[in-house]
Amino acid sequence: MNLLERLKSFEKDYMFLHWATGNEYGRLAYVGSDYVEFDILDVDTMEYKETAIINSQLILEAVFGGPDISRIVAEVSAQIPYGQE
């Protein structure tokens, strides 16, 4: 299994992504054969600040678990209105 196949299984999940020119927390929006679309979160406000289109060959590391990721998921989940679909 190559990196893109593995990343595809985490599409729409929150993670820490490290690529050649940066690293951020966010949500993996799309994984394609030539690029990855990554919605970057401002960890102070928990709002999306920008979307990065990253050449898939530049991705160095993706972290899917850990206390920081759990905190982000909890804070984003807490902002979802209760009882609405």
N, C-alpha and C. Protein backbone atom coordinates (compact mmCIF):
# COMPACT_ATOMS: atom_id res chain seq x y z
N MET A 1 0.85 -1.17 0.00
CA MET A 1 0.00 0.00 0.00
C MET A 1 0.90 1.24 0.00
N ASN A 2 0.60 2.20 -0.86
CA ASN A 2 1.41 3.41 -0.88
C ASN A 2 0.75 4.50 -0.02
N LEU A 3 1.44 5.61 0.15
CA LEU A 3 0.98 6.69 1.03
C LEU A 3 -0.39 7.23 0.62
N LEU A 4 -0.60 7.46 -0.67
CA LEU A 4 -1.87 8.02 -1.11
C LEU A 4 -3.04 7.09 -0.85
N GLU A 5 -2.83 5.79 -1.02
CA GLU A 5 -3.90 4.83 -0.71
C GLU A 5 -4.24 4.88 0.77
N ARG A 6 -3.23 4.99 1.60
CA ARG A 6 -3.45 5.05 3.04
C ARG A 6 -4.14 6.36 3.43
N LEU A 7 -3.70 7.48 2.86
CA LEU A 7 -4.33 8.77 3.14
C LEU A 7 -5.79 8.79 2.68
N LYS A 8 -6.07 8.14 1.58
CA LYS A 8 -7.45 8.09 1.07
C LYS A 8 -8.39 7.49 2.11
N SER A 9 -7.92 6.53 2.90
CA SER A 9 -8.78 5.93 3.92
C SER A 9 -9.05 6.89 5.07
N PHE A 10 -8.29 8.00 5.18
CA PHE A 10 -8.50 8.99 6.23
C PHE A 10 -9.12 10.28 5.70
N GLU A 11 -9.63 10.24 4.47
CA GLU A 11 -10.28 11.42 3.90
C GLU A 11 -11.42 11.87 4.80
N LYS A 12 -11.54 13.16 5.01
CA LYS A 12 -12.56 13.81 5.86
C LYS A 12 -12.22 13.73 7.34
N ASP A 13 -11.07 13.19 7.73
CA ASP A 13 -10.67 13.09 9.12
C ASP A 13 -9.73 14.25 9.48
N TYR A 14 -9.66 14.54 10.79
CA TYR A 14 -8.75 15.56 11.31
C TYR A 14 -7.39 14.93 11.58
N MET A 15 -6.34 15.70 11.33
CA MET A 15 -4.99 15.18 11.49
C MET A 15 -3.99 16.32 11.52
N PHE A 16 -2.76 15.96 11.80
CA PHE A 16 -1.62 16.86 11.66
C PHE A 16 -0.89 16.42 10.41
N LEU A 17 -0.66 17.33 9.51
CA LEU A 17 0.00 17.00 8.25
C LEU A 17 1.27 17.83 8.11
N HIS A 18 2.36 17.15 7.77
CA HIS A 18 3.66 17.80 7.58
C HIS A 18 4.07 17.56 6.13
N TRP A 19 4.28 18.65 5.41
CA TRP A 19 4.75 18.54 4.04
C TRP A 19 6.03 19.36 3.88
N ALA A 20 6.60 19.36 2.72
CA ALA A 20 7.95 19.92 2.50
C ALA A 20 8.09 21.37 2.95
N THR A 21 7.06 22.18 2.82
CA THR A 21 7.19 23.61 3.14
C THR A 21 6.34 24.06 4.32
N GLY A 22 5.70 23.14 5.02
CA GLY A 22 4.87 23.55 6.15
C GLY A 22 4.30 22.38 6.91
N ASN A 23 3.58 22.70 7.97
CA ASN A 23 2.87 21.70 8.74
C ASN A 23 1.73 22.38 9.48
N GLU A 24 0.58 21.72 9.55
CA GLU A 24 -0.61 22.31 10.15
C GLU A 24 -1.54 21.22 10.65
N TYR A 25 -2.45 21.62 11.54
CA TYR A 25 -3.58 20.78 11.92
C TYR A 25 -4.74 21.12 10.99
N GLY A 26 -5.52 20.11 10.68
CA GLY A 26 -6.66 20.37 9.82
C GLY A 26 -7.41 19.12 9.46
N ARG A 27 -8.20 19.23 8.39
CA ARG A 27 -9.03 18.13 7.91
C ARG A 27 -8.63 17.80 6.48
N LEU A 28 -8.42 16.54 6.24
CA LEU A 28 -8.05 16.08 4.91
C LEU A 28 -9.32 16.05 4.06
N ALA A 29 -9.45 16.98 3.14
CA ALA A 29 -10.69 17.13 2.37
C ALA A 29 -10.73 16.21 1.15
N TYR A 30 -9.60 16.04 0.47
CA TYR A 30 -9.58 15.26 -0.76
C TYR A 30 -8.18 14.70 -0.98
N VAL A 31 -8.12 13.46 -1.45
CA VAL A 31 -6.84 12.84 -1.81
C VAL A 31 -6.95 12.38 -3.26
N GLY A 32 -6.10 12.94 -4.11
CA GLY A 32 -6.05 12.54 -5.50
C GLY A 32 -4.69 11.98 -5.84
N SER A 33 -4.52 11.57 -7.07
CA SER A 33 -3.25 10.97 -7.46
C SER A 33 -2.12 11.99 -7.57
N ASP A 34 -2.46 13.27 -7.79
CA ASP A 34 -1.41 14.27 -7.95
C ASP A 34 -1.41 15.35 -6.87
N TYR A 35 -2.50 15.50 -6.13
CA TYR A 35 -2.53 16.50 -5.07
C TYR A 35 -3.46 16.08 -3.94
N VAL A 36 -3.27 16.76 -2.80
CA VAL A 36 -4.09 16.56 -1.60
C VAL A 36 -4.67 17.92 -1.23
N GLU A 37 -5.96 17.95 -0.95
CA GLU A 37 -6.62 19.18 -0.50
C GLU A 37 -6.77 19.09 1.01
N PHE A 38 -6.24 20.08 1.72
CA PHE A 38 -6.17 20.05 3.18
C PHE A 38 -6.75 21.34 3.73
N ASP A 39 -7.84 21.24 4.51
CA ASP A 39 -8.46 22.41 5.15
C ASP A 39 -7.74 22.67 6.46
N ILE A 40 -7.04 23.80 6.53
CA ILE A 40 -6.21 24.13 7.69
C ILE A 40 -7.05 24.81 8.76
N LEU A 41 -6.90 24.33 10.00
CA LEU A 41 -7.61 24.88 11.15
C LEU A 41 -6.73 25.87 11.91
N ASP A 42 -7.33 26.96 12.36
CA ASP A 42 -6.68 27.84 13.32
C ASP A 42 -6.97 27.22 14.68
N VAL A 43 -5.97 26.66 15.35
CA VAL A 43 -6.20 25.91 16.58
C VAL A 43 -6.66 26.79 17.74
N ASP A 44 -6.50 28.11 17.64
CA ASP A 44 -6.98 29.00 18.70
C ASP A 44 -8.49 29.25 18.58
N THR A 45 -8.98 29.43 17.36
CA THR A 45 -10.40 29.72 17.16
C THR A 45 -11.19 28.50 16.70
N MET A 46 -10.50 27.42 16.31
CA MET A 46 -11.11 26.19 15.79
C MET A 46 -11.94 26.46 14.54
N GLU A 47 -11.54 27.44 13.75
CA GLU A 47 -12.19 27.75 12.48
C GLU A 47 -11.20 27.49 11.35
N TYR A 48 -11.75 27.16 10.18
CA TYR A 48 -10.88 26.97 9.02
C TYR A 48 -10.34 28.31 8.58
N LYS A 49 -9.02 28.37 8.41
CA LYS A 49 -8.42 29.63 7.99
C LYS A 49 -8.04 29.63 6.52
N GLU A 50 -7.82 28.45 5.94
CA GLU A 50 -7.48 28.37 4.52
C GLU A 50 -7.49 26.92 4.07
N THR A 51 -7.47 26.75 2.77
CA THR A 51 -7.35 25.42 2.18
C THR A 51 -6.06 25.36 1.40
N ALA A 52 -5.28 24.32 1.64
CA ALA A 52 -4.01 24.15 0.94
C ALA A 52 -4.15 23.01 -0.07
N ILE A 53 -3.66 23.24 -1.25
CA ILE A 53 -3.55 22.21 -2.27
C ILE A 53 -2.07 21.82 -2.30
N ILE A 54 -1.79 20.59 -1.91
CA ILE A 54 -0.39 20.15 -1.71
C ILE A 54 -0.05 19.06 -2.71
N ASN A 55 1.06 19.20 -3.37
CA ASN A 55 1.56 18.16 -4.26
C ASN A 55 1.76 16.90 -3.41
N SER A 56 1.15 15.81 -3.81
CA SER A 56 1.19 14.60 -2.99
C SER A 56 2.60 14.06 -2.78
N GLN A 57 3.53 14.38 -3.67
CA GLN A 57 4.90 13.91 -3.52
C GLN A 57 5.66 14.67 -2.43
N LEU A 58 5.09 15.78 -1.94
CA LEU A 58 5.76 16.59 -0.92
C LEU A 58 5.34 16.23 0.50
N ILE A 59 4.38 15.34 0.66
CA ILE A 59 3.91 14.98 2.00
C ILE A 59 4.96 14.11 2.68
N LEU A 60 5.36 14.54 3.87
CA LEU A 60 6.39 13.85 4.61
C LEU A 60 5.82 13.02 5.77
N GLU A 61 4.74 13.52 6.39
CA GLU A 61 4.23 12.86 7.59
C GLU A 61 2.76 13.23 7.79
N ALA A 62 1.99 12.27 8.26
CA ALA A 62 0.60 12.51 8.66
C ALA A 62 0.38 11.82 9.99
N VAL A 63 -0.15 12.56 10.96
CA VAL A 63 -0.40 12.02 12.30
C VAL A 63 -1.91 12.02 12.52
N PHE A 64 -2.46 10.84 12.83
CA PHE A 64 -3.91 10.68 12.93
C PHE A 64 -4.43 10.58 14.35
N GLY A 65 -3.55 10.41 15.32
CA GLY A 65 -3.99 10.25 16.71
C GLY A 65 -3.15 11.09 17.63
N GLY A 66 -3.44 10.98 18.91
CA GLY A 66 -2.69 11.72 19.91
C GLY A 66 -3.56 12.74 20.61
N PRO A 67 -3.05 13.32 21.67
CA PRO A 67 -3.86 14.24 22.48
C PRO A 67 -4.27 15.51 21.74
N ASP A 68 -3.42 16.05 20.89
CA ASP A 68 -3.79 17.26 20.16
C ASP A 68 -4.91 17.01 19.17
N ILE A 69 -4.84 15.89 18.47
CA ILE A 69 -5.90 15.55 17.51
C ILE A 69 -7.21 15.31 18.26
N SER A 70 -7.15 14.63 19.40
CA SER A 70 -8.35 14.37 20.20
C SER A 70 -8.97 15.68 20.67
N ARG A 71 -8.13 16.63 21.06
CA ARG A 71 -8.64 17.93 21.51
C ARG A 71 -9.35 18.66 20.38
N ILE A 72 -8.75 18.63 19.20
CA ILE A 72 -9.36 19.29 18.04
C ILE A 72 -10.71 18.66 17.71
N VAL A 73 -10.76 17.35 17.67
CA VAL A 73 -12.02 16.66 17.37
C VAL A 73 -13.07 17.00 18.43
N ALA A 74 -12.68 17.03 19.71
CA ALA A 74 -13.63 17.35 20.78
C ALA A 74 -14.14 18.78 20.65
N GLU A 75 -13.26 19.73 20.35
CA GLU A 75 -13.69 21.12 20.24
C GLU A 75 -14.56 21.35 19.02
N VAL A 76 -14.22 20.74 17.90
CA VAL A 76 -15.06 20.87 16.71
C VAL A 76 -16.41 20.21 16.95
N SER A 77 -16.42 19.05 17.58
CA SER A 77 -17.67 18.35 17.87
C SER A 77 -18.55 19.16 18.83
N ALA A 78 -17.95 19.85 19.76
CA ALA A 78 -18.72 20.65 20.72
C ALA A 78 -19.42 21.82 20.04
N GLN A 79 -18.97 22.22 18.88
CA GLN A 79 -19.59 23.32 18.16
C GLN A 79 -20.74 22.89 17.28
N ILE A 80 -20.96 21.59 17.15
CA ILE A 80 -22.07 21.08 16.35
C ILE A 80 -23.35 21.28 17.15
N PRO A 81 -24.37 21.93 16.56
CA PRO A 81 -25.62 22.16 17.29
C PRO A 81 -26.27 20.85 17.71
N TYR A 82 -26.68 20.78 18.96
CA TYR A 82 -27.29 19.57 19.52
C TYR A 82 -28.67 19.36 18.93
N GLY A 83 -28.97 18.12 18.53
CA GLY A 83 -30.30 17.75 18.07
C GLY A 83 -30.62 18.14 16.64
N GLN A 84 -29.63 18.58 15.89
CA GLN A 84 -29.86 18.91 14.48
C GLN A 84 -29.08 17.96 13.60
N GLU A 85 -29.64 17.69 12.45
CA GLU A 85 -28.99 16.76 11.52
C GLU A 85 -28.49 17.50 10.32
